């Protein structure tokens, strides 16, 4: 089984940059925002459950989805 996601299209629909979504998710190390978590998810790499949940929560807050499966799903 492979994990698929809709992160890039939802993020673009919201008009958010990778950096902005990363910042909203709290992907910060020291004072630097780590945008590679979002980028790696968008590229189809596997992501940790906590990372996926944070991305989902921020996209839901932006009104782009209702369910976790709207963002991430198994295929």
PDB file of N, CA and C in Angstrom:
ATOM      1  N   UNK A   1       0.829  -1.190   0.000  1.00  0.00           N
ATOM      2  CA  UNK A   1       0.000   0.000   0.000  1.00  0.00           C
ATOM      3  C   UNK A   1       0.868   1.247   0.000  1.00  0.00           C
ATOM      4  N   UNK A   2       0.364   2.243  -0.656  1.00  0.00           N
ATOM      5  CA  UNK A   2       1.097   3.495  -0.776  1.00  0.00           C
ATOM      6  C   UNK A   2       0.243   4.633  -0.227  1.00  0.00           C
ATOM      7  N   UNK A   3       0.911   5.555   0.465  1.00  0.00           N
ATOM      8  CA  UNK A   3       0.204   6.720   0.982  1.00  0.00           C
ATOM      9  C   UNK A   3       0.202   7.801  -0.088  1.00  0.00           C
ATOM     10  N   UNK A   4      -0.972   8.279  -0.429  1.00  0.00           N
ATOM     11  CA  UNK A   4      -1.138   9.360  -1.396  1.00  0.00           C
ATOM     12  C   UNK A   4      -1.605  10.602  -0.635  1.00  0.00           C
ATOM     13  N   UNK A   5      -1.418  11.770  -1.240  1.00  0.00           N
ATOM     14  CA  UNK A   5      -1.901  12.981  -0.575  1.00  0.00           C
ATOM     15  C   UNK A   5      -2.270  14.054  -1.579  1.00  0.00           C
ATOM     16  N   UNK A   6      -2.992  15.015  -1.047  1.00  0.00           N
ATOM     17  CA  UNK A   6      -3.537  16.125  -1.806  1.00  0.00           C
ATOM     18  C   UNK A   6      -2.954  17.450  -1.296  1.00  0.00           C
ATOM     19  N   UNK A   7      -1.820  17.378  -0.611  1.00  0.00           N
ATOM     20  CA  UNK A   7      -1.270  18.547   0.075  1.00  0.00           C
ATOM     21  C   UNK A   7      -1.001  19.699  -0.888  1.00  0.00           C
ATOM     22  N   UNK A   8      -0.301  19.436  -1.993  1.00  0.00           N
ATOM     23  CA  UNK A   8       0.086  20.511  -2.914  1.00  0.00           C
ATOM     24  C   UNK A   8      -1.127  21.238  -3.483  1.00  0.00           C
ATOM     25  N   UNK A   9      -2.116  20.490  -3.955  1.00  0.00           N
ATOM     26  CA  UNK A   9      -3.271  21.152  -4.567  1.00  0.00           C
ATOM     27  C   UNK A   9      -4.092  21.925  -3.535  1.00  0.00           C
ATOM     28  N   UNK A  10      -4.234  21.389  -2.326  1.00  0.00           N
ATOM     29  CA  UNK A  10      -4.979  22.109  -1.283  1.00  0.00           C
ATOM     30  C   UNK A  10      -4.222  23.358  -0.853  1.00  0.00           C
ATOM     31  N   UNK A  11      -2.906  23.241  -0.701  1.00  0.00           N
ATOM     32  CA  UNK A  11      -2.086  24.384  -0.294  1.00  0.00           C
ATOM     33  C   UNK A  11      -2.183  25.489  -1.348  1.00  0.00           C
ATOM     34  N   UNK A  12      -2.079  25.104  -2.614  1.00  0.00           N
ATOM     35  CA  UNK A  12      -2.164  26.091  -3.694  1.00  0.00           C
ATOM     36  C   UNK A  12      -3.554  26.719  -3.759  1.00  0.00           C
ATOM     37  N   UNK A  13      -4.579  25.916  -3.531  1.00  0.00           N
ATOM     38  CA  UNK A  13      -5.959  26.420  -3.525  1.00  0.00           C
ATOM     39  C   UNK A  13      -6.133  27.492  -2.441  1.00  0.00           C
ATOM     40  N   UNK A  14      -5.427  27.316  -1.329  1.00  0.00           N
ATOM     41  CA  UNK A  14      -5.499  28.280  -0.233  1.00  0.00           C
ATOM     42  C   UNK A  14      -4.609  29.496  -0.473  1.00  0.00           C
ATOM     43  N   UNK A  15      -3.782  29.427  -1.517  1.00  0.00           N
ATOM     44  CA  UNK A  15      -2.868  30.530  -1.785  1.00  0.00           C
ATOM     45  C   UNK A  15      -1.710  30.595  -0.810  1.00  0.00           C
ATOM     46  N   UNK A  16      -1.366  29.445  -0.225  1.00  0.00           N
ATOM     47  CA  UNK A  16      -0.274  29.388   0.747  1.00  0.00           C
ATOM     48  C   UNK A  16       1.008  28.906   0.082  1.00  0.00           C
ATOM     49  N   UNK A  17       2.108  29.503   0.459  1.00  0.00           N
ATOM     50  CA  UNK A  17       3.409  28.990  -0.001  1.00  0.00           C
ATOM     51  C   UNK A  17       3.771  27.802   0.883  1.00  0.00           C
ATOM     52  N   UNK A  18       4.744  27.022   0.446  1.00  0.00           N
ATOM     53  CA  UNK A  18       5.238  25.915   1.260  1.00  0.00           C
ATOM     54  C   UNK A  18       5.733  26.471   2.597  1.00  0.00           C
ATOM     55  N   UNK A  19       6.436  27.596   2.527  1.00  0.00           N
ATOM     56  CA  UNK A  19       6.968  28.239   3.736  1.00  0.00           C
ATOM     57  C   UNK A  19       5.837  28.613   4.698  1.00  0.00           C
ATOM     58  N   UNK A  20       4.783  29.231   4.185  1.00  0.00           N
ATOM     59  CA  UNK A  20       3.679  29.683   5.044  1.00  0.00           C
ATOM     60  C   UNK A  20       2.966  28.495   5.699  1.00  0.00           C
ATOM     61  N   UNK A  21       2.694  27.444   4.933  1.00  0.00           N
ATOM     62  CA  UNK A  21       2.049  26.270   5.522  1.00  0.00           C
ATOM     63  C   UNK A  21       2.955  25.639   6.570  1.00  0.00           C
ATOM     64  N   UNK A  22       4.236  25.562   6.284  1.00  0.00           N
ATOM     65  CA  UNK A  22       5.198  25.002   7.243  1.00  0.00           C
ATOM     66  C   UNK A  22       5.197  25.805   8.531  1.00  0.00           C
ATOM     67  N   UNK A  23       5.178  27.126   8.391  1.00  0.00           N
ATOM     68  CA  UNK A  23       5.165  28.025   9.550  1.00  0.00           C
ATOM     69  C   UNK A  23       3.902  27.808  10.379  1.00  0.00           C
ATOM     70  N   UNK A  24       2.736  27.718   9.704  1.00  0.00           N
ATOM     71  CA  UNK A  24       1.472  27.496  10.407  1.00  0.00           C
ATOM     72  C   UNK A  24       1.447  26.152  11.131  1.00  0.00           C
ATOM     73  N   UNK A  25       2.136  25.156  10.550  1.00  0.00           N
ATOM     74  CA  UNK A  25       2.182  23.820  11.165  1.00  0.00           C
ATOM     75  C   UNK A  25       3.132  23.775  12.355  1.00  0.00           C
ATOM     76  N   UNK A  26       3.961  24.800  12.494  1.00  0.00           N
ATOM     77  CA  UNK A  26       4.913  24.830  13.599  1.00  0.00           C
ATOM     78  C   UNK A  26       6.185  24.063  13.320  1.00  0.00           C
ATOM     79  N   UNK A  27       6.488  23.846  12.048  1.00  0.00           N
ATOM     80  CA  UNK A  27       7.712  23.146  11.680  1.00  0.00           C
ATOM     81  C   UNK A  27       8.883  24.112  11.788  1.00  0.00           C
ATOM     82  N   UNK A  28       9.291  24.362  13.031  1.00  0.00           N
ATOM     83  CA  UNK A  28      10.317  25.350  13.323  1.00  0.00           C
ATOM     84  C   UNK A  28      11.431  24.697  14.139  1.00  0.00           C
ATOM     85  N   UNK A  29      12.668  25.025  13.789  1.00  0.00           N
ATOM     86  CA  UNK A  29      13.833  24.574  14.545  1.00  0.00           C
ATOM     87  C   UNK A  29      14.605  25.831  14.913  1.00  0.00           C
ATOM     88  N   UNK A  30      14.647  26.135  16.200  1.00  0.00           N
ATOM     89  CA  UNK A  30      15.257  27.395  16.618  1.00  0.00           C
ATOM     90  C   UNK A  30      14.410  28.523  16.075  1.00  0.00           C
ATOM     91  N   UNK A  31      14.983  29.372  15.256  1.00  0.00           N
ATOM     92  CA  UNK A  31      14.210  30.458  14.649  1.00  0.00           C
ATOM     93  C   UNK A  31      13.974  30.197  13.162  1.00  0.00           C
ATOM     94  N   UNK A  32      14.392  29.027  12.686  1.00  0.00           N
ATOM     95  CA  UNK A  32      14.239  28.696  11.263  1.00  0.00           C
ATOM     96  C   UNK A  32      13.006  27.841  11.021  1.00  0.00           C
ATOM     97  N   UNK A  33      12.295  28.137   9.968  1.00  0.00           N
ATOM     98  CA  UNK A  33      11.144  27.326   9.565  1.00  0.00           C
ATOM     99  C   UNK A  33      11.646  26.237   8.625  1.00  0.00           C
ATOM    100  N   UNK A  34      11.271  24.996   8.928  1.00  0.00           N
ATOM    101  CA  UNK A  34      11.683  23.864   8.096  1.00  0.00           C
ATOM    102  C   UNK A  34      10.571  23.541   7.111  1.00  0.00           C
ATOM    103  N   UNK A  35      10.746  23.919   5.876  1.00  0.00           N
ATOM    104  CA  UNK A  35       9.700  23.687   4.885  1.00  0.00           C
ATOM    105  C   UNK A  35       9.839  22.331   4.213  1.00  0.00           C
ATOM    106  N   UNK A  36      10.915  21.599   4.534  1.00  0.00           N
ATOM    107  CA  UNK A  36      11.109  20.330   3.845  1.00  0.00           C
ATOM    108  C   UNK A  36      10.066  19.285   4.245  1.00  0.00           C
ATOM    109  N   UNK A  37       9.403  19.412   5.377  1.00  0.00           N
ATOM    110  CA  UNK A  37       8.356  18.459   5.761  1.00  0.00           C
ATOM    111  C   UNK A  37       7.200  18.524   4.760  1.00  0.00           C
ATOM    112  N   UNK A  38       6.767  19.721   4.443  1.00  0.00           N
ATOM    113  CA  UNK A  38       5.668  19.900   3.494  1.00  0.00           C
ATOM    114  C   UNK A  38       6.126  19.492   2.095  1.00  0.00           C
ATOM    115  N   UNK A  39       7.305  19.926   1.703  1.00  0.00           N
ATOM    116  CA  UNK A  39       7.832  19.591   0.382  1.00  0.00           C
ATOM    117  C   UNK A  39       7.939  18.083   0.198  1.00  0.00           C
ATOM    118  N   UNK A  40       8.463  17.399   1.202  1.00  0.00           N
ATOM    119  CA  UNK A  40       8.608  15.935   1.099  1.00  0.00           C
ATOM    120  C   UNK A  40       7.243  15.256   0.993  1.00  0.00           C
ATOM    121  N   UNK A  41       6.260  15.735   1.728  1.00  0.00           N
ATOM    122  CA  UNK A  41       4.910  15.166   1.628  1.00  0.00           C
ATOM    123  C   UNK A  41       4.368  15.384   0.216  1.00  0.00           C
ATOM    124  N   UNK A  42       4.545  16.594  -0.303  1.00  0.00           N
ATOM    125  CA  UNK A  42       4.046  16.910  -1.644  1.00  0.00           C
ATOM    126  C   UNK A  42       4.730  16.075  -2.716  1.00  0.00           C
ATOM    127  N   UNK A  43       5.963  15.686  -2.480  1.00  0.00           N
ATOM    128  CA  UNK A  43       6.708  14.879  -3.445  1.00  0.00           C
ATOM    129  C   UNK A  43       6.369  13.391  -3.335  1.00  0.00           C
ATOM    130  N   UNK A  44       5.508  13.043  -2.378  1.00  0.00           N
ATOM    131  CA  UNK A  44       5.083  11.655  -2.249  1.00  0.00           C
ATOM    132  C   UNK A  44       5.905  10.808  -1.300  1.00  0.00           C
ATOM    133  N   UNK A  45       6.828  11.437  -0.589  1.00  0.00           N
ATOM    134  CA  UNK A  45       7.604  10.695   0.399  1.00  0.00           C
ATOM    135  C   UNK A  45       6.713  10.395   1.599  1.00  0.00           C
ATOM    136  N   UNK A  46       7.047   9.335   2.313  1.00  0.00           N
ATOM    137  CA  UNK A  46       6.251   9.028   3.497  1.00  0.00           C
ATOM    138  C   UNK A  46       6.536  10.070   4.572  1.00  0.00           C
ATOM    139  N   UNK A  47       5.524  10.383   5.352  1.00  0.00           N
ATOM    140  CA  UNK A  47       5.659  11.345   6.439  1.00  0.00           C
ATOM    141  C   UNK A  47       5.188  10.688   7.728  1.00  0.00           C
ATOM    142  N   UNK A  48       5.703  11.165   8.827  1.00  0.00           N
ATOM    143  CA  UNK A  48       5.283  10.641  10.124  1.00  0.00           C
ATOM    144  C   UNK A  48       3.836  11.031  10.384  1.00  0.00           C
ATOM    145  N   UNK A  49       3.171  10.254  11.210  1.00  0.00           N
ATOM    146  CA  UNK A  49       1.761  10.497  11.512  1.00  0.00           C
ATOM    147  C   UNK A  49       1.570  11.883  12.118  1.00  0.00           C
ATOM    148  N   UNK A  50       2.436  12.283  13.043  1.00  0.00           N
ATOM    149  CA  UNK A  50       2.274  13.596  13.671  1.00  0.00           C
ATOM    150  C   UNK A  50       2.439  14.724  12.655  1.00  0.00           C
ATOM    151  N   UNK A  51       3.339  14.563  11.709  1.00  0.00           N
ATOM    152  CA  UNK A  51       3.529  15.556  10.647  1.00  0.00           C
ATOM    153  C   UNK A  51       2.282  15.641   9.777  1.00  0.00           C
ATOM    154  N   UNK A  52       1.761  14.483   9.382  1.00  0.00           N
ATOM    155  CA  UNK A  52       0.552  14.439   8.556  1.00  0.00           C
ATOM    156  C   UNK A  52      -0.623  15.087   9.282  1.00  0.00           C
ATOM    157  N   UNK A  53      -0.753  14.827  10.568  1.00  0.00           N
ATOM    158  CA  UNK A  53      -1.849  15.417  11.345  1.00  0.00           C
ATOM    159  C   UNK A  53      -1.733  16.935  11.416  1.00  0.00           C
ATOM    160  N   UNK A  54      -0.526  17.443  11.626  1.00  0.00           N
ATOM    161  CA  UNK A  54      -0.343  18.895  11.683  1.00  0.00           C
ATOM    162  C   UNK A  54      -0.691  19.553  10.355  1.00  0.00           C
ATOM    163  N   UNK A  55      -0.273  18.937   9.257  1.00  0.00           N
ATOM    164  CA  UNK A  55      -0.602  19.475   7.936  1.00  0.00           C
ATOM    165  C   UNK A  55      -2.113  19.459   7.739  1.00  0.00           C
ATOM    166  N   UNK A  56      -2.745  18.334   8.069  1.00  0.00           N
ATOM    167  CA  UNK A  56      -4.202  18.208   7.936  1.00  0.00           C
ATOM    168  C   UNK A  56      -4.924  19.274   8.767  1.00  0.00           C
ATOM    169  N   UNK A  57      -4.524  19.464  10.005  1.00  0.00           N
ATOM    170  CA  UNK A  57      -5.183  20.425  10.905  1.00  0.00           C
ATOM    171  C   UNK A  57      -5.121  21.837  10.321  1.00  0.00           C
ATOM    172  N   UNK A  58      -3.959  22.222   9.793  1.00  0.00           N
ATOM    173  CA  UNK A  58      -3.821  23.572   9.228  1.00  0.00           C
ATOM    174  C   UNK A  58      -4.637  23.733   7.952  1.00  0.00           C
ATOM    175  N   UNK A  59      -4.708  22.702   7.131  1.00  0.00           N
ATOM    176  CA  UNK A  59      -5.523  22.782   5.919  1.00  0.00           C
ATOM    177  C   UNK A  59      -7.007  22.811   6.273  1.00  0.00           C
ATOM    178  N   UNK A  60      -7.376  22.114   7.332  1.00  0.00           N
ATOM    179  CA  UNK A  60      -8.775  22.136   7.793  1.00  0.00           C
ATOM    180  C   UNK A  60      -9.129  23.523   8.333  1.00  0.00           C
ATOM    181  N   UNK A  61      -8.216  24.119   9.104  1.00  0.00           N
ATOM    182  CA  UNK A  61      -8.442  25.476   9.632  1.00  0.00           C
ATOM    183  C   UNK A  61      -8.640  26.474   8.493  1.00  0.00           C
ATOM    184  N   UNK A  62      -7.963  26.225   7.370  1.00  0.00           N
ATOM    185  CA  UNK A  62      -8.075  27.113   6.206  1.00  0.00           C
ATOM    186  C   UNK A  62      -9.360  26.845   5.423  1.00  0.00           C
ATOM    187  N   UNK A  63     -10.164  25.870   5.881  1.00  0.00           N
ATOM    188  CA  UNK A  63     -11.441  25.578   5.255  1.00  0.00           C
ATOM    189  C   UNK A  63     -11.342  24.765   3.972  1.00  0.00           C
ATOM    190  N   UNK A  64     -10.241  24.028   3.816  1.00  0.00           N
ATOM    191  CA  UNK A  64     -10.011  23.295   2.572  1.00  0.00           C
ATOM    192  C   UNK A  64     -10.417  21.831   2.616  1.00  0.00           C
ATOM    193  N   UNK A  65     -10.671  21.317   3.802  1.00  0.00           N
ATOM    194  CA  UNK A  65     -11.018  19.903   3.913  1.00  0.00           C
ATOM    195  C   UNK A  65     -11.790  19.674   5.204  1.00  0.00           C
ATOM    196  N   UNK A  66     -12.449  18.543   5.269  1.00  0.00           N
ATOM    197  CA  UNK A  66     -13.174  18.155   6.474  1.00  0.00           C
ATOM    198  C   UNK A  66     -12.496  16.971   7.163  1.00  0.00           C
ATOM    199  N   UNK A  67     -12.184  15.954   6.374  1.00  0.00           N
ATOM    200  CA  UNK A  67     -11.651  14.709   6.923  1.00  0.00           C
ATOM    201  C   UNK A  67     -10.178  14.540   6.600  1.00  0.00           C
ATOM    202  N   UNK A  68      -9.496  13.785   7.452  1.00  0.00           N
ATOM    203  CA  UNK A  68      -8.084  13.477   7.234  1.00  0.00           C
ATOM    204  C   UNK A  68      -7.892  12.843   5.860  1.00  0.00           C
ATOM    205  N   UNK A  69      -8.854  12.007   5.462  1.00  0.00           N
ATOM    206  CA  UNK A  69      -8.778  11.303   4.182  1.00  0.00           C
ATOM    207  C   UNK A  69      -8.909  12.241   2.986  1.00  0.00           C
ATOM    208  N   UNK A  70      -9.336  13.479   3.202  1.00  0.00           N
ATOM    209  CA  UNK A  70      -9.354  14.469   2.129  1.00  0.00           C
ATOM    210  C   UNK A  70      -7.936  14.910   1.776  1.00  0.00           C
ATOM    211  N   UNK A  71      -7.010  14.685   2.703  1.00  0.00           N
ATOM    212  CA  UNK A  71      -5.620  15.117   2.524  1.00  0.00           C
ATOM    213  C   UNK A  71      -4.683  13.927   2.295  1.00  0.00           C
ATOM    214  N   UNK A  72      -4.803  12.905   3.132  1.00  0.00           N
ATOM    215  CA  UNK A  72      -3.952  11.716   3.041  1.00  0.00           C
ATOM    216  C   UNK A  72      -4.822  10.465   2.963  1.00  0.00           C
ATOM    217  N   UNK A  73      -4.432   9.513   2.134  1.00  0.00           N
ATOM    218  CA  UNK A  73      -5.165   8.248   2.031  1.00  0.00           C
ATOM    219  C   UNK A  73      -4.250   7.138   1.553  1.00  0.00           C
ATOM    220  N   UNK A  74      -4.660   5.900   1.785  1.00  0.00           N
ATOM    221  CA  UNK A  74      -3.919   4.729   1.325  1.00  0.00           C
ATOM    222  C   UNK A  74      -4.467   4.266  -0.017  1.00  0.00           C
ATOM    223  N   UNK A  75      -3.562   3.859  -0.864  1.00  0.00           N
ATOM    224  CA  UNK A  75      -3.996   3.368  -2.172  1.00  0.00           C
ATOM    225  C   UNK A  75      -3.351   2.038  -2.467  1.00  0.00           C
TER     226      UNK A  75
END
